[in-house]
Amino acid sequence: RFLAARYCRPDAKYGRITHWIIHN
């Protein structure tokens, strides 16, 4: 939730994450 709140902002202040690859 912290990562999504930071990197899914309309102003992209810190950048944007569009896709989330879960583990490897």
PDB file of all heavy atoms in Angstrom:
ATOM      1  N   ARG A   1       0.838  -1.207   0.000  1.00  0.00           N
ATOM      2  CA  ARG A   1       0.000   0.000   0.000  1.00  0.00           C
ATOM      3  C   ARG A   1       0.870   1.253   0.000  1.00  0.00           C
ATOM      4  O   ARG A   1       0.543   2.248  -0.658  1.00  0.00           O
ATOM      5  CB  ARG A   1      -0.949  -0.009   1.203  1.00  0.00           C
ATOM      6  CG  ARG A   1      -2.037  -1.062   1.109  1.00  0.00           C
ATOM      7  CD  ARG A   1      -2.888  -1.100   2.368  1.00  0.00           C
ATOM      8  NE  ARG A   1      -3.849  -0.011   2.414  1.00  0.00           N
ATOM      9  CZ  ARG A   1      -5.081  -0.066   1.918  1.00  0.00           C
ATOM     10  NH1 ARG A   1      -5.501  -1.164   1.299  1.00  0.00           N
ATOM     11  NH2 ARG A   1      -5.892   0.952   2.024  1.00  0.00           N
ATOM     12  N   PHE A   2       1.979   1.216   0.736  1.00  0.00           N
ATOM     13  CA  PHE A   2       2.886   2.361   0.734  1.00  0.00           C
ATOM     14  C   PHE A   2       3.435   2.602  -0.671  1.00  0.00           C
ATOM     15  O   PHE A   2       3.450   3.732  -1.169  1.00  0.00           O
ATOM     16  CB  PHE A   2       4.040   2.131   1.706  1.00  0.00           C
ATOM     17  CG  PHE A   2       5.116   3.180   1.615  1.00  0.00           C
ATOM     18  CD1 PHE A   2       4.988   4.383   2.295  1.00  0.00           C
ATOM     19  CD2 PHE A   2       6.248   2.979   0.829  1.00  0.00           C
ATOM     20  CE1 PHE A   2       5.967   5.372   2.180  1.00  0.00           C
ATOM     21  CE2 PHE A   2       7.230   3.941   0.706  1.00  0.00           C
ATOM     22  CZ  PHE A   2       7.089   5.150   1.394  1.00  0.00           C
ATOM     23  N   LEU A   3       3.897   1.532  -1.325  1.00  0.00           N
ATOM     24  CA  LEU A   3       4.446   1.675  -2.673  1.00  0.00           C
ATOM     25  C   LEU A   3       3.391   2.171  -3.656  1.00  0.00           C
ATOM     26  O   LEU A   3       3.665   3.047  -4.494  1.00  0.00           O
ATOM     27  CB  LEU A   3       5.025   0.342  -3.137  1.00  0.00           C
ATOM     28  CG  LEU A   3       6.280  -0.155  -2.402  1.00  0.00           C
ATOM     29  CD1 LEU A   3       6.605  -1.579  -2.826  1.00  0.00           C
ATOM     30  CD2 LEU A   3       7.462   0.770  -2.660  1.00  0.00           C
ATOM     31  N   ALA A   4       2.191   1.624  -3.563  1.00  0.00           N
ATOM     32  CA  ALA A   4       1.125   2.048  -4.476  1.00  0.00           C
ATOM     33  C   ALA A   4       0.738   3.505  -4.234  1.00  0.00           C
ATOM     34  O   ALA A   4       0.511   4.265  -5.191  1.00  0.00           O
ATOM     35  CB  ALA A   4      -0.090   1.136  -4.326  1.00  0.00           C
ATOM     36  N   ALA A   5       0.656   3.906  -2.981  1.00  0.00           N
ATOM     37  CA  ALA A   5       0.299   5.292  -2.676  1.00  0.00           C
ATOM     38  C   ALA A   5       1.349   6.266  -3.211  1.00  0.00           C
ATOM     39  O   ALA A   5       1.022   7.353  -3.702  1.00  0.00           O
ATOM     40  CB  ALA A   5       0.152   5.464  -1.166  1.00  0.00           C
ATOM     41  N   ARG A   6       2.614   5.857  -3.162  1.00  0.00           N
ATOM     42  CA  ARG A   6       3.699   6.735  -3.589  1.00  0.00           C
ATOM     43  C   ARG A   6       3.849   6.766  -5.111  1.00  0.00           C
ATOM     44  O   ARG A   6       4.120   7.838  -5.690  1.00  0.00           O
ATOM     45  CB  ARG A   6       5.013   6.273  -2.950  1.00  0.00           C
ATOM     46  CG  ARG A   6       6.195   7.238  -3.135  1.00  0.00           C
ATOM     47  CD  ARG A   6       7.408   6.729  -2.383  1.00  0.00           C
ATOM     48  NE  ARG A   6       8.522   7.661  -2.385  1.00  0.00           N
ATOM     49  CZ  ARG A   6       8.721   8.636  -1.495  1.00  0.00           C
ATOM     50  NH1 ARG A   6       7.823   8.812  -0.533  1.00  0.00           N
ATOM     51  NH2 ARG A   6       9.771   9.430  -1.561  1.00  0.00           N
ATOM     52  N   TYR A   7       3.658   5.623  -5.744  1.00  0.00           N
ATOM     53  CA  TYR A   7       3.971   5.509  -7.166  1.00  0.00           C
ATOM     54  C   TYR A   7       2.746   5.355  -8.058  1.00  0.00           C
ATOM     55  O   TYR A   7       2.885   4.992  -9.233  1.00  0.00           O
ATOM     56  CB  TYR A   7       4.949   4.354  -7.381  1.00  0.00           C
ATOM     57  CG  TYR A   7       6.265   4.570  -6.659  1.00  0.00           C
ATOM     58  CD1 TYR A   7       6.686   3.693  -5.657  1.00  0.00           C
ATOM     59  CD2 TYR A   7       7.079   5.654  -6.965  1.00  0.00           C
ATOM     60  CE1 TYR A   7       7.878   3.886  -4.984  1.00  0.00           C
ATOM     61  CE2 TYR A   7       8.275   5.865  -6.294  1.00  0.00           C
ATOM     62  CZ  TYR A   7       8.668   4.980  -5.298  1.00  0.00           C
ATOM     63  OH  TYR A   7       9.861   5.188  -4.626  1.00  0.00           O
ATOM     64  N   CYS A   8       1.576   5.653  -7.527  1.00  0.00           N
ATOM     65  CA  CYS A   8       0.355   5.683  -8.334  1.00  0.00           C
ATOM     66  C   CYS A   8      -0.377   6.997  -8.080  1.00  0.00           C
ATOM     67  O   CYS A   8      -1.583   7.024  -7.837  1.00  0.00           O
ATOM     68  CB  CYS A   8      -0.550   4.483  -8.022  1.00  0.00           C
ATOM     69  SG  CYS A   8       0.162   2.883  -8.398  1.00  0.00           S
ATOM     70  N   ARG A   9       0.355   8.077  -8.132  1.00  0.00           N
ATOM     71  CA  ARG A   9      -0.208   9.408  -7.903  1.00  0.00           C
ATOM     72  C   ARG A   9      -0.502  10.087  -9.239  1.00  0.00           C
ATOM     73  O   ARG A   9       0.230   9.904 -10.215  1.00  0.00           O
ATOM     74  CB  ARG A   9       0.786  10.272  -7.130  1.00  0.00           C
ATOM     75  CG  ARG A   9       1.057   9.830  -5.716  1.00  0.00           C
ATOM     76  CD  ARG A   9       2.275  10.562  -5.149  1.00  0.00           C
ATOM     77  NE  ARG A   9       2.194  12.008  -5.300  1.00  0.00           N
ATOM     78  CZ  ARG A   9       2.227  12.886  -4.281  1.00  0.00           C
ATOM     79  NH1 ARG A   9       2.322  12.441  -3.035  1.00  0.00           N
ATOM     80  NH2 ARG A   9       2.178  14.172  -4.507  1.00  0.00           N
ATOM     81  N   PRO A  10      -1.554  10.902  -9.288  1.00  0.00           N
ATOM     82  CA  PRO A  10      -1.845  11.624 -10.541  1.00  0.00           C
ATOM     83  C   PRO A  10      -0.719  12.548 -10.975  1.00  0.00           C
ATOM     84  O   PRO A  10      -0.501  12.741 -12.176  1.00  0.00           O
ATOM     85  CB  PRO A  10      -3.108  12.425 -10.193  1.00  0.00           C
ATOM     86  CG  PRO A  10      -3.752  11.662  -9.080  1.00  0.00           C
ATOM     87  CD  PRO A  10      -2.622  11.081  -8.282  1.00  0.00           C
ATOM     88  N   ASP A  11       0.034  13.123 -10.013  1.00  0.00           N
ATOM     89  CA  ASP A  11       1.111  14.037 -10.382  1.00  0.00           C
ATOM     90  C   ASP A  11       2.437  13.326 -10.626  1.00  0.00           C
ATOM     91  O   ASP A  11       3.421  13.972 -11.026  1.00  0.00           O
ATOM     92  CB  ASP A  11       1.297  15.120  -9.313  1.00  0.00           C
ATOM     93  CG  ASP A  11       1.679  14.556  -7.943  1.00  0.00           C
ATOM     94  OD1 ASP A  11       1.861  13.320  -7.829  1.00  0.00           O
ATOM     95  OD2 ASP A  11       1.791  15.345  -6.989  1.00  0.00           O
ATOM     96  N   ALA A  12       2.475  11.999 -10.412  1.00  0.00           N
ATOM     97  CA  ALA A  12       3.708  11.214 -10.610  1.00  0.00           C
ATOM     98  C   ALA A  12       4.904  11.886  -9.957  1.00  0.00           C
ATOM     99  O   ALA A  12       6.021  11.881 -10.496  1.00  0.00           O
ATOM    100  CB  ALA A  12       3.953  10.973 -12.093  1.00  0.00           C
ATOM    101  N   LYS A  13       4.696  12.443  -8.764  1.00  0.00           N
ATOM    102  CA  LYS A  13       5.747  13.190  -8.072  1.00  0.00           C
ATOM    103  C   LYS A  13       7.014  12.363  -7.905  1.00  0.00           C
ATOM    104  O   LYS A  13       8.134  12.885  -8.024  1.00  0.00           O
ATOM    105  CB  LYS A  13       5.223  13.654  -6.705  1.00  0.00           C
ATOM    106  CG  LYS A  13       6.242  14.424  -5.881  1.00  0.00           C
ATOM    107  CD  LYS A  13       5.655  14.879  -4.551  1.00  0.00           C
ATOM    108  CE  LYS A  13       6.692  15.628  -3.722  1.00  0.00           C
ATOM    109  NZ  LYS A  13       6.123  16.080  -2.420  1.00  0.00           N
ATOM    110  N   TYR A  14       6.864  11.088  -7.592  1.00  0.00           N
ATOM    111  CA  TYR A  14       8.022  10.217  -7.361  1.00  0.00           C
ATOM    112  C   TYR A  14       8.222   9.217  -8.499  1.00  0.00           C
ATOM    113  O   TYR A  14       9.059   8.313  -8.396  1.00  0.00           O
ATOM    114  CB  TYR A  14       7.844   9.449  -6.048  1.00  0.00           C
ATOM    115  CG  TYR A  14       7.621  10.345  -4.859  1.00  0.00           C
ATOM    116  CD1 TYR A  14       6.352  10.484  -4.296  1.00  0.00           C
ATOM    117  CD2 TYR A  14       8.669  11.070  -4.296  1.00  0.00           C
ATOM    118  CE1 TYR A  14       6.148  11.311  -3.205  1.00  0.00           C
ATOM    119  CE2 TYR A  14       8.475  11.904  -3.206  1.00  0.00           C
ATOM    120  CZ  TYR A  14       7.201  12.021  -2.663  1.00  0.00           C
ATOM    121  OH  TYR A  14       7.007  12.846  -1.580  1.00  0.00           O
ATOM    122  N   GLY A  15       7.449   9.361  -9.577  1.00  0.00           N
ATOM    123  CA  GLY A  15       7.453   8.370 -10.644  1.00  0.00           C
ATOM    124  C   GLY A  15       6.205   7.511 -10.568  1.00  0.00           C
ATOM    125  O   GLY A  15       5.375   7.662  -9.670  1.00  0.00           O
ATOM    126  N   ARG A  16       6.084   6.621 -11.503  1.00  0.00           N
ATOM    127  CA  ARG A  16       4.862   5.814 -11.613  1.00  0.00           C
ATOM    128  C   ARG A  16       5.215   4.344 -11.818  1.00  0.00           C
ATOM    129  O   ARG A  16       6.097   4.013 -12.623  1.00  0.00           O
ATOM    130  CB  ARG A  16       4.042   6.329 -12.805  1.00  0.00           C
ATOM    131  CG  ARG A  16       2.812   5.503 -13.180  1.00  0.00           C
ATOM    132  CD  ARG A  16       1.585   5.955 -12.425  1.00  0.00           C
ATOM    133  NE  ARG A  16       0.437   5.119 -12.807  1.00  0.00           N
ATOM    134  CZ  ARG A  16      -0.411   5.400 -13.808  1.00  0.00           C
ATOM    135  NH1 ARG A  16      -0.249   6.498 -14.531  1.00  0.00           N
ATOM    136  NH2 ARG A  16      -1.425   4.594 -14.082  1.00  0.00           N
ATOM    137  N   ILE A  17       4.554   3.479 -11.075  1.00  0.00           N
ATOM    138  CA  ILE A  17       4.608   2.041 -11.333  1.00  0.00           C
ATOM    139  C   ILE A  17       3.289   1.652 -11.964  1.00  0.00           C
ATOM    140  O   ILE A  17       2.218   1.882 -11.390  1.00  0.00           O
ATOM    141  CB  ILE A  17       4.847   1.229 -10.042  1.00  0.00           C
ATOM    142  CG1 ILE A  17       6.244   1.524  -9.466  1.00  0.00           C
ATOM    143  CG2 ILE A  17       4.709  -0.267 -10.310  1.00  0.00           C
ATOM    144  CD1 ILE A  17       6.503   0.885  -8.110  1.00  0.00           C
ATOM    145  N   THR A  18       3.355   1.059 -13.147  1.00  0.00           N
ATOM    146  CA  THR A  18       2.151   0.635 -13.867  1.00  0.00           C
ATOM    147  C   THR A  18       1.872  -0.842 -13.650  1.00  0.00           C
ATOM    148  O   THR A  18       0.730  -1.248 -13.469  1.00  0.00           O
ATOM    149  CB  THR A  18       2.314   0.935 -15.370  1.00  0.00           C
ATOM    150  OG1 THR A  18       2.432   2.353 -15.542  1.00  0.00           O
ATOM    151  CG2 THR A  18       1.118   0.435 -16.177  1.00  0.00           C
ATOM    152  N   HIS A  19       2.929  -1.658 -13.681  1.00  0.00           N
ATOM    153  CA  HIS A  19       2.790  -3.107 -13.566  1.00  0.00           C
ATOM    154  C   HIS A  19       3.549  -3.603 -12.332  1.00  0.00           C
ATOM    155  O   HIS A  19       4.619  -3.079 -12.000  1.00  0.00           O
ATOM    156  CB  HIS A  19       3.336  -3.815 -14.808  1.00  0.00           C
ATOM    157  CG  HIS A  19       2.624  -3.466 -16.071  1.00  0.00           C
ATOM    158  ND1 HIS A  19       1.251  -3.392 -16.164  1.00  0.00           N
ATOM    159  CD2 HIS A  19       3.086  -3.177 -17.324  1.00  0.00           C
ATOM    160  CE1 HIS A  19       0.901  -3.073 -17.395  1.00  0.00           C
ATOM    161  NE2 HIS A  19       1.999  -2.935 -18.116  1.00  0.00           N
ATOM    162  N   TRP A  20       3.005  -4.650 -11.723  1.00  0.00           N
ATOM    163  CA  TRP A  20       3.577  -5.206 -10.497  1.00  0.00           C
ATOM    164  C   TRP A  20       3.845  -6.697 -10.727  1.00  0.00           C
ATOM    165  O   TRP A  20       2.913  -7.494 -10.798  1.00  0.00           O
ATOM    166  CB  TRP A  20       2.615  -5.004  -9.321  1.00  0.00           C
ATOM    167  CG  TRP A  20       2.217  -3.564  -9.129  1.00  0.00           C
ATOM    168  CD1 TRP A  20       1.287  -2.862  -9.847  1.00  0.00           C
ATOM    169  CD2 TRP A  20       2.765  -2.644  -8.179  1.00  0.00           C
ATOM    170  NE1 TRP A  20       1.206  -1.562  -9.393  1.00  0.00           N
ATOM    171  CE2 TRP A  20       2.101  -1.399  -8.364  1.00  0.00           C
ATOM    172  CE3 TRP A  20       3.730  -2.749  -7.179  1.00  0.00           C
ATOM    173  CZ2 TRP A  20       2.387  -0.284  -7.596  1.00  0.00           C
ATOM    174  CZ3 TRP A  20       4.014  -1.638  -6.404  1.00  0.00           C
ATOM    175  CH2 TRP A  20       3.353  -0.412  -6.612  1.00  0.00           C
ATOM    176  N   ILE A  21       5.116  -7.044 -10.874  1.00  0.00           N
ATOM    177  CA  ILE A  21       5.520  -8.434 -11.081  1.00  0.00           C
ATOM    178  C   ILE A  21       5.801  -9.038  -9.707  1.00  0.00           C
ATOM    179  O   ILE A  21       6.657  -8.543  -8.971  1.00  0.00           O
ATOM    180  CB  ILE A  21       6.751  -8.514 -11.987  1.00  0.00           C
ATOM    181  CG1 ILE A  21       6.433  -7.892 -13.356  1.00  0.00           C
ATOM    182  CG2 ILE A  21       7.223  -9.956 -12.140  1.00  0.00           C
ATOM    183  CD1 ILE A  21       7.651  -7.701 -14.237  1.00  0.00           C
ATOM    184  N   ILE A  22       5.064 -10.088  -9.370  1.00  0.00           N
ATOM    185  CA  ILE A  22       5.087 -10.584  -7.998  1.00  0.00           C
ATOM    186  C   ILE A  22       6.035 -11.776  -7.868  1.00  0.00           C
ATOM    187  O   ILE A  22       5.776 -12.871  -8.352  1.00  0.00           O
ATOM    188  CB  ILE A  22       3.659 -10.940  -7.530  1.00  0.00           C
ATOM    189  CG1 ILE A  22       2.740  -9.730  -7.744  1.00  0.00           C
ATOM    190  CG2 ILE A  22       3.665 -11.384  -6.078  1.00  0.00           C
ATOM    191  CD1 ILE A  22       3.237  -8.415  -7.112  1.00  0.00           C
ATOM    192  N   HIS A  23       7.163 -11.480  -7.226  1.00  0.00           N
ATOM    193  CA  HIS A  23       8.237 -12.434  -6.971  1.00  0.00           C
ATOM    194  C   HIS A  23       8.936 -12.803  -8.286  1.00  0.00           C
ATOM    195  O   HIS A  23       8.716 -12.169  -9.318  1.00  0.00           O
ATOM    196  CB  HIS A  23       7.728 -13.641  -6.204  1.00  0.00           C
ATOM    197  CG  HIS A  23       6.864 -13.296  -5.022  1.00  0.00           C
ATOM    198  ND1 HIS A  23       7.028 -12.144  -4.281  1.00  0.00           N
ATOM    199  CD2 HIS A  23       5.809 -13.940  -4.447  1.00  0.00           C
ATOM    200  CE1 HIS A  23       6.126 -12.102  -3.310  1.00  0.00           C
ATOM    201  NE2 HIS A  23       5.367 -13.177  -3.395  1.00  0.00           N
ATOM    202  N   ASN A  24       9.771 -13.803  -8.247  1.00  0.00           N
ATOM    203  CA  ASN A  24      10.579 -14.144  -9.425  1.00  0.00           C
ATOM    204  C   ASN A  24      10.560 -15.640  -9.686  1.00  0.00           C
ATOM    205  O   ASN A  24      10.790 -16.437  -8.774  1.00  0.00           O
ATOM    206  CB  ASN A  24      12.029 -13.693  -9.212  1.00  0.00           C
ATOM    207  CG  ASN A  24      12.881 -13.903 -10.441  1.00  0.00           C
ATOM    208  OD1 ASN A  24      12.536 -13.448 -11.530  1.00  0.00           O
ATOM    209  ND2 ASN A  24      13.997 -14.604 -10.295  1.00  0.00           N
TER     210      ASN A  24
END
